[in-house]
Amino acid sequence: MEEESREQALGKGYKYLAMGLRFAGGIVVFFFAGFLLDRWLGTTPLFLLIGTLAGAGLGFLSVYRELMADEKAHKADKAVRRPGGRR
């Protein structure tokens, strides 16, 4: 039983690591898209800043939604384990 909970904890760690990388990756991708758009249009930091902020906002929204879904699933799992919601 202890081995199973250890594997679950490790799986959650990877899940949260993936969320962090997705958040950072979104920022980096939008940063470079803004950078390239600025170079093409000659509008130095305008699209770089917009892209960075958009990447951060969208990355945050993605992580937030996944965390809220995870919390909802965790609460539902607890309710199934404990009939009546109490122990």
PDB file of N, CA and C in Angstrom:
ATOM      1  N   MET A   1       0.831  -1.196   0.000  1.00  0.00           N
ATOM      2  CA  MET A   1       0.000   0.000   0.000  1.00  0.00           C
ATOM      3  C   MET A   1       0.871   1.254   0.000  1.00  0.00           C
ATOM      4  N   GLU A   2       1.950   1.226   0.759  1.00  0.00           N
ATOM      5  CA  GLU A   2       2.842   2.381   0.824  1.00  0.00           C
ATOM      6  C   GLU A   2       3.481   2.643  -0.533  1.00  0.00           C
ATOM      7  N   GLU A   3       3.811   1.572  -1.243  1.00  0.00           N
ATOM      8  CA  GLU A   3       4.429   1.698  -2.562  1.00  0.00           C
ATOM      9  C   GLU A   3       3.476   2.367  -3.551  1.00  0.00           C
ATOM     10  N   GLU A   4       2.185   2.054  -3.433  1.00  0.00           N
ATOM     11  CA  GLU A   4       1.188   2.636  -4.326  1.00  0.00           C
ATOM     12  C   GLU A   4       1.050   4.143  -4.104  1.00  0.00           C
ATOM     13  N   SER A   5       1.003   4.571  -2.849  1.00  0.00           N
ATOM     14  CA  SER A   5       0.859   6.000  -2.572  1.00  0.00           C
ATOM     15  C   SER A   5       2.121   6.763  -2.987  1.00  0.00           C
ATOM     16  N   ARG A   6       3.261   6.111  -2.884  1.00  0.00           N
ATOM     17  CA  ARG A   6       4.514   6.736  -3.316  1.00  0.00           C
ATOM     18  C   ARG A   6       4.509   6.954  -4.831  1.00  0.00           C
ATOM     19  N   GLU A   7       3.994   5.970  -5.566  1.00  0.00           N
ATOM     20  CA  GLU A   7       3.900   6.102  -7.022  1.00  0.00           C
ATOM     21  C   GLU A   7       2.894   7.181  -7.401  1.00  0.00           C
ATOM     22  N   GLN A   8       1.811   7.291  -6.668  1.00  0.00           N
ATOM     23  CA  GLN A   8       0.822   8.329  -6.938  1.00  0.00           C
ATOM     24  C   GLN A   8       1.424   9.710  -6.700  1.00  0.00           C
ATOM     25  N   ALA A   9       2.180   9.843  -5.621  1.00  0.00           N
ATOM     26  CA  ALA A   9       2.814  11.127  -5.321  1.00  0.00           C
ATOM     27  C   ALA A   9       3.822  11.491  -6.407  1.00  0.00           C
ATOM     28  N   LEU A  10       4.560  10.505  -6.891  1.00  0.00           N
ATOM     29  CA  LEU A  10       5.525  10.752  -7.965  1.00  0.00           C
ATOM     30  C   LEU A  10       4.797  11.173  -9.240  1.00  0.00           C
ATOM     31  N   GLY A  11       3.680  10.540  -9.529  1.00  0.00           N
ATOM     32  CA  GLY A  11       2.886  10.904 -10.706  1.00  0.00           C
ATOM     33  C   GLY A  11       2.358  12.318 -10.610  1.00  0.00           C
ATOM     34  N   LYS A  12       1.921  12.719  -9.417  1.00  0.00           N
ATOM     35  CA  LYS A  12       1.447  14.090  -9.231  1.00  0.00           C
ATOM     36  C   LYS A  12       2.585  15.084  -9.399  1.00  0.00           C
ATOM     37  N   GLY A  13       3.764  14.699  -8.942  1.00  0.00           N
ATOM     38  CA  GLY A  13       4.922  15.574  -9.109  1.00  0.00           C
ATOM     39  C   GLY A  13       5.213  15.831 -10.578  1.00  0.00           C
ATOM     40  N   TYR A  14       5.137  14.780 -11.384  1.00  0.00           N
ATOM     41  CA  TYR A  14       5.357  14.948 -12.825  1.00  0.00           C
ATOM     42  C   TYR A  14       4.254  15.790 -13.447  1.00  0.00           C
ATOM     43  N   LYS A  15       3.037  15.623 -12.956  1.00  0.00           N
ATOM     44  CA  LYS A  15       1.913  16.395 -13.477  1.00  0.00           C
ATOM     45  C   LYS A  15       2.144  17.887 -13.221  1.00  0.00           C
ATOM     46  N   TYR A  16       2.579  18.227 -12.018  1.00  0.00           N
ATOM     47  CA  TYR A  16       2.818  19.630 -11.683  1.00  0.00           C
ATOM     48  C   TYR A  16       4.049  20.175 -12.398  1.00  0.00           C
ATOM     49  N   LEU A  17       5.035  19.331 -12.611  1.00  0.00           N
ATOM     50  CA  LEU A  17       6.201  19.734 -13.390  1.00  0.00           C
ATOM     51  C   LEU A  17       5.780  20.069 -14.819  1.00  0.00           C
ATOM     52  N   ALA A  18       4.922  19.240 -15.398  1.00  0.00           N
ATOM     53  CA  ALA A  18       4.435  19.474 -16.754  1.00  0.00           C
ATOM     54  C   ALA A  18       3.641  20.774 -16.819  1.00  0.00           C
ATOM     55  N   MET A  19       2.850  21.058 -15.781  1.00  0.00           N
ATOM     56  CA  MET A  19       2.102  22.317 -15.755  1.00  0.00           C
ATOM     57  C   MET A  19       3.047  23.516 -15.752  1.00  0.00           C
ATOM     58  N   GLY A  20       4.081  23.452 -14.946  1.00  0.00           N
ATOM     59  CA  GLY A  20       5.050  24.542 -14.887  1.00  0.00           C
ATOM     60  C   GLY A  20       5.782  24.734 -16.204  1.00  0.00           C
ATOM     61  N   LEU A  21       6.142  23.629 -16.838  1.00  0.00           N
ATOM     62  CA  LEU A  21       6.823  23.723 -18.126  1.00  0.00           C
ATOM     63  C   LEU A  21       5.898  24.270 -19.199  1.00  0.00           C
ATOM     64  N   ARG A  22       4.615  23.894 -19.139  1.00  0.00           N
ATOM     65  CA  ARG A  22       3.646  24.419 -20.102  1.00  0.00           C
ATOM     66  C   ARG A  22       3.468  25.926 -19.902  1.00  0.00           C
ATOM     67  N   PHE A  23       3.424  26.355 -18.655  1.00  0.00           N
ATOM     68  CA  PHE A  23       3.307  27.787 -18.350  1.00  0.00           C
ATOM     69  C   PHE A  23       4.518  28.544 -18.893  1.00  0.00           C
ATOM     70  N   ALA A  24       5.707  28.059 -18.580  1.00  0.00           N
ATOM     71  CA  ALA A  24       6.937  28.718 -19.045  1.00  0.00           C
ATOM     72  C   ALA A  24       7.056  28.647 -20.563  1.00  0.00           C
ATOM     73  N   GLY A  25       6.690  27.515 -21.140  1.00  0.00           N
ATOM     74  CA  GLY A  25       6.765  27.356 -22.590  1.00  0.00           C
ATOM     75  C   GLY A  25       5.854  28.322 -23.323  1.00  0.00           C
ATOM     76  N   GLY A  26       4.668  28.545 -22.780  1.00  0.00           N
ATOM     77  CA  GLY A  26       3.742  29.502 -23.382  1.00  0.00           C
ATOM     78  C   GLY A  26       4.317  30.903 -23.394  1.00  0.00           C
ATOM     79  N   ILE A  27       4.956  31.262 -22.304  1.00  0.00           N
ATOM     80  CA  ILE A  27       5.579  32.592 -22.231  1.00  0.00           C
ATOM     81  C   ILE A  27       6.695  32.708 -23.262  1.00  0.00           C
ATOM     82  N   VAL A  28       7.534  31.694 -23.343  1.00  0.00           N
ATOM     83  CA  VAL A  28       8.674  31.736 -24.270  1.00  0.00           C
ATOM     84  C   VAL A  28       8.202  31.780 -25.725  1.00  0.00           C
ATOM     85  N   VAL A  29       7.208  30.962 -26.059  1.00  0.00           N
ATOM     86  CA  VAL A  29       6.706  30.929 -27.441  1.00  0.00           C
ATOM     87  C   VAL A  29       6.111  32.275 -27.833  1.00  0.00           C
ATOM     88  N   PHE A  30       5.274  32.842 -26.974  1.00  0.00           N
ATOM     89  CA  PHE A  30       4.666  34.130 -27.288  1.00  0.00           C
ATOM     90  C   PHE A  30       5.702  35.259 -27.269  1.00  0.00           C
ATOM     91  N   PHE A  31       6.700  35.147 -26.417  1.00  0.00           N
ATOM     92  CA  PHE A  31       7.789  36.127 -26.392  1.00  0.00           C
ATOM     93  C   PHE A  31       8.493  36.168 -27.750  1.00  0.00           C
ATOM     94  N   PHE A  32       8.878  34.979 -28.239  1.00  0.00           N
ATOM     95  CA  PHE A  32       9.592  34.942 -29.514  1.00  0.00           C
ATOM     96  C   PHE A  32       8.698  35.324 -30.690  1.00  0.00           C
ATOM     97  N   ALA A  33       7.420  34.978 -30.613  1.00  0.00           N
ATOM     98  CA  ALA A  33       6.493  35.396 -31.670  1.00  0.00           C
ATOM     99  C   ALA A  33       6.400  36.929 -31.695  1.00  0.00           C
ATOM    100  N   GLY A  34       6.299  37.542 -30.529  1.00  0.00           N
ATOM    101  CA  GLY A  34       6.265  38.999 -30.453  1.00  0.00           C
ATOM    102  C   GLY A  34       7.564  39.622 -30.925  1.00  0.00           C
ATOM    103  N   PHE A  35       8.674  38.998 -30.563  1.00  0.00           N
ATOM    104  CA  PHE A  35       9.986  39.477 -30.988  1.00  0.00           C
ATOM    105  C   PHE A  35      10.110  39.462 -32.506  1.00  0.00           C
ATOM    106  N   LEU A  36       9.710  38.350 -33.119  1.00  0.00           N
ATOM    107  CA  LEU A  36       9.790  38.231 -34.578  1.00  0.00           C
ATOM    108  C   LEU A  36       8.833  39.198 -35.269  1.00  0.00           C
ATOM    109  N   LEU A  37       7.661  39.367 -34.712  1.00  0.00           N
ATOM    110  CA  LEU A  37       6.704  40.317 -35.273  1.00  0.00           C
ATOM    111  C   LEU A  37       7.237  41.747 -35.176  1.00  0.00           C
ATOM    112  N   ASP A  38       7.875  42.077 -34.066  1.00  0.00           N
ATOM    113  CA  ASP A  38       8.493  43.396 -33.911  1.00  0.00           C
ATOM    114  C   ASP A  38       9.597  43.631 -34.942  1.00  0.00           C
ATOM    115  N   ARG A  39      10.424  42.627 -35.158  1.00  0.00           N
ATOM    116  CA  ARG A  39      11.504  42.769 -36.145  1.00  0.00           C
ATOM    117  C   ARG A  39      10.940  42.957 -37.537  1.00  0.00           C
ATOM    118  N   TRP A  40       9.879  42.220 -37.844  1.00  0.00           N
ATOM    119  CA  TRP A  40       9.275  42.287 -39.179  1.00  0.00           C
ATOM    120  C   TRP A  40       8.601  43.638 -39.416  1.00  0.00           C
ATOM    121  N   LEU A  41       7.896  44.149 -38.393  1.00  0.00           N
ATOM    122  CA  LEU A  41       7.151  45.395 -38.536  1.00  0.00           C
ATOM    123  C   LEU A  41       7.941  46.630 -38.100  1.00  0.00           C
ATOM    124  N   GLY A  42       9.057  46.419 -37.413  1.00  0.00           N
ATOM    125  CA  GLY A  42       9.873  47.533 -36.945  1.00  0.00           C
ATOM    126  C   GLY A  42       9.237  48.280 -35.772  1.00  0.00           C
ATOM    127  N   THR A  43       8.516  47.575 -34.945  1.00  0.00           N
ATOM    128  CA  THR A  43       7.834  48.193 -33.796  1.00  0.00           C
ATOM    129  C   THR A  43       8.440  47.680 -32.491  1.00  0.00           C
ATOM    130  N   THR A  44       9.688  47.960 -32.302  1.00  0.00           N
ATOM    131  CA  THR A  44      10.432  47.383 -31.163  1.00  0.00           C
ATOM    132  C   THR A  44       9.690  47.468 -29.862  1.00  0.00           C
ATOM    133  N   PRO A  45       9.645  47.172 -28.888  1.00  0.00           N
ATOM    134  CA  PRO A  45       9.146  46.269 -27.859  1.00  0.00           C
ATOM    135  C   PRO A  45       7.634  46.063 -27.799  1.00  0.00           C
ATOM    136  N   LEU A  46       6.865  46.668 -28.708  1.00  0.00           N
ATOM    137  CA  LEU A  46       5.403  46.621 -28.595  1.00  0.00           C
ATOM    138  C   LEU A  46       4.873  45.186 -28.594  1.00  0.00           C
ATOM    139  N   PHE A  47       5.112  44.445 -29.672  1.00  0.00           N
ATOM    140  CA  PHE A  47       4.566  43.087 -29.757  1.00  0.00           C
ATOM    141  C   PHE A  47       5.309  42.108 -28.849  1.00  0.00           C
ATOM    142  N   LEU A  48       6.552  42.411 -28.550  1.00  0.00           N
ATOM    143  CA  LEU A  48       7.295  41.582 -27.601  1.00  0.00           C
ATOM    144  C   LEU A  48       6.610  41.630 -26.235  1.00  0.00           C
ATOM    145  N   LEU A  49       6.245  42.822 -25.790  1.00  0.00           N
ATOM    146  CA  LEU A  49       5.558  42.956 -24.500  1.00  0.00           C
ATOM    147  C   LEU A  49       4.161  42.349 -24.540  1.00  0.00           C
ATOM    148  N   ILE A  50       3.443  42.617 -25.628  1.00  0.00           N
ATOM    149  CA  ILE A  50       2.093  42.061 -25.761  1.00  0.00           C
ATOM    150  C   ILE A  50       2.160  40.536 -25.790  1.00  0.00           C
ATOM    151  N   GLY A  51       3.106  39.997 -26.544  1.00  0.00           N
ATOM    152  CA  GLY A  51       3.258  38.543 -26.631  1.00  0.00           C
ATOM    153  C   GLY A  51       3.619  37.921 -25.297  1.00  0.00           C
ATOM    154  N   THR A  52       4.525  38.549 -24.574  1.00  0.00           N
ATOM    155  CA  THR A  52       4.930  38.028 -23.268  1.00  0.00           C
ATOM    156  C   THR A  52       3.762  38.033 -22.294  1.00  0.00           C
ATOM    157  N   LEU A  53       3.028  39.137 -22.260  1.00  0.00           N
ATOM    158  CA  LEU A  53       1.872  39.218 -21.361  1.00  0.00           C
ATOM    159  C   LEU A  53       0.772  38.243 -21.777  1.00  0.00           C
ATOM    160  N   ALA A  54       0.555  38.098 -23.077  1.00  0.00           N
ATOM    161  CA  ALA A  54      -0.450  37.144 -23.552  1.00  0.00           C
ATOM    162  C   ALA A  54      -0.038  35.716 -23.203  1.00  0.00           C
ATOM    163  N   GLY A  55       1.223  35.393 -23.383  1.00  0.00           N
ATOM    164  CA  GLY A  55       1.707  34.049 -23.031  1.00  0.00           C
ATOM    165  C   GLY A  55       1.567  33.767 -21.554  1.00  0.00           C
ATOM    166  N   ALA A  56       1.873  34.748 -20.724  1.00  0.00           N
ATOM    167  CA  ALA A  56       1.744  34.578 -19.275  1.00  0.00           C
ATOM    168  C   ALA A  56       0.281  34.427 -18.891  1.00  0.00           C
ATOM    169  N   GLY A  57      -0.583  35.246 -19.469  1.00  0.00           N
ATOM    170  CA  GLY A  57      -2.005  35.166 -19.149  1.00  0.00           C
ATOM    171  C   GLY A  57      -2.623  33.853 -19.581  1.00  0.00           C
ATOM    172  N   LEU A  58      -2.335  33.444 -20.807  1.00  0.00           N
ATOM    173  CA  LEU A  58      -2.889  32.185 -21.296  1.00  0.00           C
ATOM    174  C   LEU A  58      -2.295  30.980 -20.573  1.00  0.00           C
ATOM    175  N   GLY A  59      -1.005  31.043 -20.251  1.00  0.00           N
ATOM    176  CA  GLY A  59      -0.385  29.954 -19.487  1.00  0.00           C
ATOM    177  C   GLY A  59      -0.986  29.839 -18.103  1.00  0.00           C
ATOM    178  N   PHE A  60      -1.205  30.982 -17.458  1.00  0.00           N
ATOM    179  CA  PHE A  60      -1.831  30.981 -16.136  1.00  0.00           C
ATOM    180  C   PHE A  60      -3.234  30.400 -16.216  1.00  0.00           C
ATOM    181  N   LEU A  61      -3.998  30.810 -17.215  1.00  0.00           N
ATOM    182  CA  LEU A  61      -5.365  30.314 -17.371  1.00  0.00           C
ATOM    183  C   LEU A  61      -5.379  28.797 -17.569  1.00  0.00           C
ATOM    184  N   SER A  62      -4.462  28.296 -18.357  1.00  0.00           N
ATOM    185  CA  SER A  62      -4.366  26.856 -18.594  1.00  0.00           C
ATOM    186  C   SER A  62      -4.062  26.095 -17.302  1.00  0.00           C
ATOM    187  N   VAL A  63      -3.084  26.587 -16.559  1.00  0.00           N
ATOM    188  CA  VAL A  63      -2.714  25.941 -15.303  1.00  0.00           C
ATOM    189  C   VAL A  63      -3.852  26.046 -14.288  1.00  0.00           C
ATOM    190  N   TYR A  64      -4.483  27.199 -14.208  1.00  0.00           N
ATOM    191  CA  TYR A  64      -5.589  27.403 -13.276  1.00  0.00           C
ATOM    192  C   TYR A  64      -6.739  26.434 -13.562  1.00  0.00           C
ATOM    193  N   ARG A  65      -7.106  26.313 -14.828  1.00  0.00           N
ATOM    194  CA  ARG A  65      -8.194  25.392 -15.188  1.00  0.00           C
ATOM    195  C   ARG A  65      -7.851  23.958 -14.828  1.00  0.00           C
ATOM    196  N   GLU A  66      -6.625  23.551 -15.078  1.00  0.00           N
ATOM    197  CA  GLU A  66      -6.238  22.177 -14.754  1.00  0.00           C
ATOM    198  C   GLU A  66      -6.226  21.948 -13.243  1.00  0.00           C
ATOM    199  N   LEU A  67      -5.758  22.924 -12.488  1.00  0.00           N
ATOM    200  CA  LEU A  67      -5.765  22.787 -11.031  1.00  0.00           C
ATOM    201  C   LEU A  67      -7.184  22.726 -10.472  1.00  0.00           C
ATOM    202  N   MET A  68      -8.082  23.517 -11.026  1.00  0.00           N
ATOM    203  CA  MET A  68      -9.475  23.495 -10.569  1.00  0.00           C
ATOM    204  C   MET A  68     -10.137  22.159 -10.912  1.00  0.00           C
ATOM    205  N   ALA A  69      -9.846  21.610 -12.078  1.00  0.00           N
ATOM    206  CA  ALA A  69     -10.373  20.303 -12.452  1.00  0.00           C
ATOM    207  C   ALA A  69      -9.794  19.220 -11.550  1.00  0.00           C
ATOM    208  N   ASP A  70      -8.522  19.337 -11.213  1.00  0.00           N
ATOM    209  CA  ASP A  70      -7.873  18.379 -10.321  1.00  0.00           C
ATOM    210  C   ASP A  70      -8.498  18.435  -8.931  1.00  0.00           C
ATOM    211  N   GLU A  71      -8.769  19.640  -8.449  1.00  0.00           N
ATOM    212  CA  GLU A  71      -9.393  19.791  -7.133  1.00  0.00           C
ATOM    213  C   GLU A  71     -10.804  19.214  -7.129  1.00  0.00           C
ATOM    214  N   LYS A  72     -11.547  19.453  -8.194  1.00  0.00           N
ATOM    215  CA  LYS A  72     -12.912  18.931  -8.301  1.00  0.00           C
ATOM    216  C   LYS A  72     -12.895  17.404  -8.313  1.00  0.00           C
ATOM    217  N   ALA A  73     -11.965  16.818  -9.053  1.00  0.00           N
ATOM    218  CA  ALA A  73     -11.841  15.358  -9.101  1.00  0.00           C
ATOM    219  C   ALA A  73     -11.442  14.807  -7.743  1.00  0.00           C
ATOM    220  N   HIS A  74     -10.573  15.522  -7.033  1.00  0.00           N
ATOM    221  CA  HIS A  74     -10.138  15.082  -5.710  1.00  0.00           C
ATOM    222  C   HIS A  74     -11.308  15.094  -4.730  1.00  0.00           C
ATOM    223  N   LYS A  75     -12.131  16.141  -4.779  1.00  0.00           N
ATOM    224  CA  LYS A  75     -13.303  16.216  -3.905  1.00  0.00           C
ATOM    225  C   LYS A  75     -14.308  15.123  -4.237  1.00  0.00           C
ATOM    226  N   ALA A  76     -14.499  14.839  -5.520  1.00  0.00           N
ATOM    227  CA  ALA A  76     -15.417  13.777  -5.929  1.00  0.00           C
ATOM    228  C   ALA A  76     -14.895  12.417  -5.472  1.00  0.00           C
ATOM    229  N   ASP A  77     -13.592  12.230  -5.553  1.00  0.00           N
ATOM    230  CA  ASP A  77     -12.981  10.976  -5.106  1.00  0.00           C
ATOM    231  C   ASP A  77     -13.166  10.788  -3.607  1.00  0.00           C
ATOM    232  N   LYS A  78     -13.011  11.862  -2.846  1.00  0.00           N
ATOM    233  CA  LYS A  78     -13.220  11.790  -1.401  1.00  0.00           C
ATOM    234  C   LYS A  78     -14.665  11.451  -1.071  1.00  0.00           C
ATOM    235  N   ALA A  79     -15.608  12.031  -1.810  1.00  0.00           N
ATOM    236  CA  ALA A  79     -17.021  11.780  -1.564  1.00  0.00           C
ATOM    237  C   ALA A  79     -17.370  10.330  -1.856  1.00  0.00           C
ATOM    238  N   VAL A  80     -16.731   9.728  -2.851  1.00  0.00           N
ATOM    239  CA  VAL A  80     -16.991   8.327  -3.185  1.00  0.00           C
ATOM    240  C   VAL A  80     -16.413   7.411  -2.115  1.00  0.00           C
ATOM    241  N   ARG A  81     -15.266   7.757  -1.589  1.00  0.00           N
ATOM    242  CA  ARG A  81     -14.623   6.929  -0.563  1.00  0.00           C
ATOM    243  C   ARG A  81     -15.370   6.951   0.754  1.00  0.00           C
ATOM    244  N   ARG A  82     -15.974   8.090   1.083  1.00  0.00           N
ATOM    245  CA  ARG A  82     -16.684   8.238   2.346  1.00  0.00           C
ATOM    246  C   ARG A  82     -18.172   8.454   2.081  1.00  0.00           C
ATOM    247  N   PRO A  83     -18.958   7.403   2.179  1.00  0.00           N
ATOM    248  CA  PRO A  83     -20.394   7.578   1.970  1.00  0.00           C
ATOM    249  C   PRO A  83     -20.968   8.573   2.979  1.00  0.00           C
ATOM    250  N   GLY A  84     -21.786   9.481   2.515  1.00  0.00           N
ATOM    251  CA  GLY A  84     -22.371  10.489   3.387  1.00  0.00           C
ATOM    252  C   GLY A  84     -21.445  11.652   3.645  1.00  0.00           C
ATOM    253  N   GLY A  85     -20.231  11.586   3.116  1.00  0.00           N
ATOM    254  CA  GLY A  85     -19.291  12.692   3.286  1.00  0.00           C
ATOM    255  C   GLY A  85     -18.595  12.721   4.642  1.00  0.00           C
ATOM    256  N   ARG A  86     -18.839  11.744   5.503  1.00  0.00           N
ATOM    257  CA  ARG A  86     -18.191  11.738   6.827  1.00  0.00           C
ATOM    258  C   ARG A  86     -17.553  10.396   7.093  1.00  0.00           C
ATOM    259  N   ARG A  87     -16.679  10.422   8.068  1.00  0.00           N
ATOM    260  CA  ARG A  87     -16.029   9.170   8.462  1.00  0.00           C
ATOM    261  C   ARG A  87     -16.048   9.011   9.935  1.00  0.00           C
TER     262      ARG A  87
END
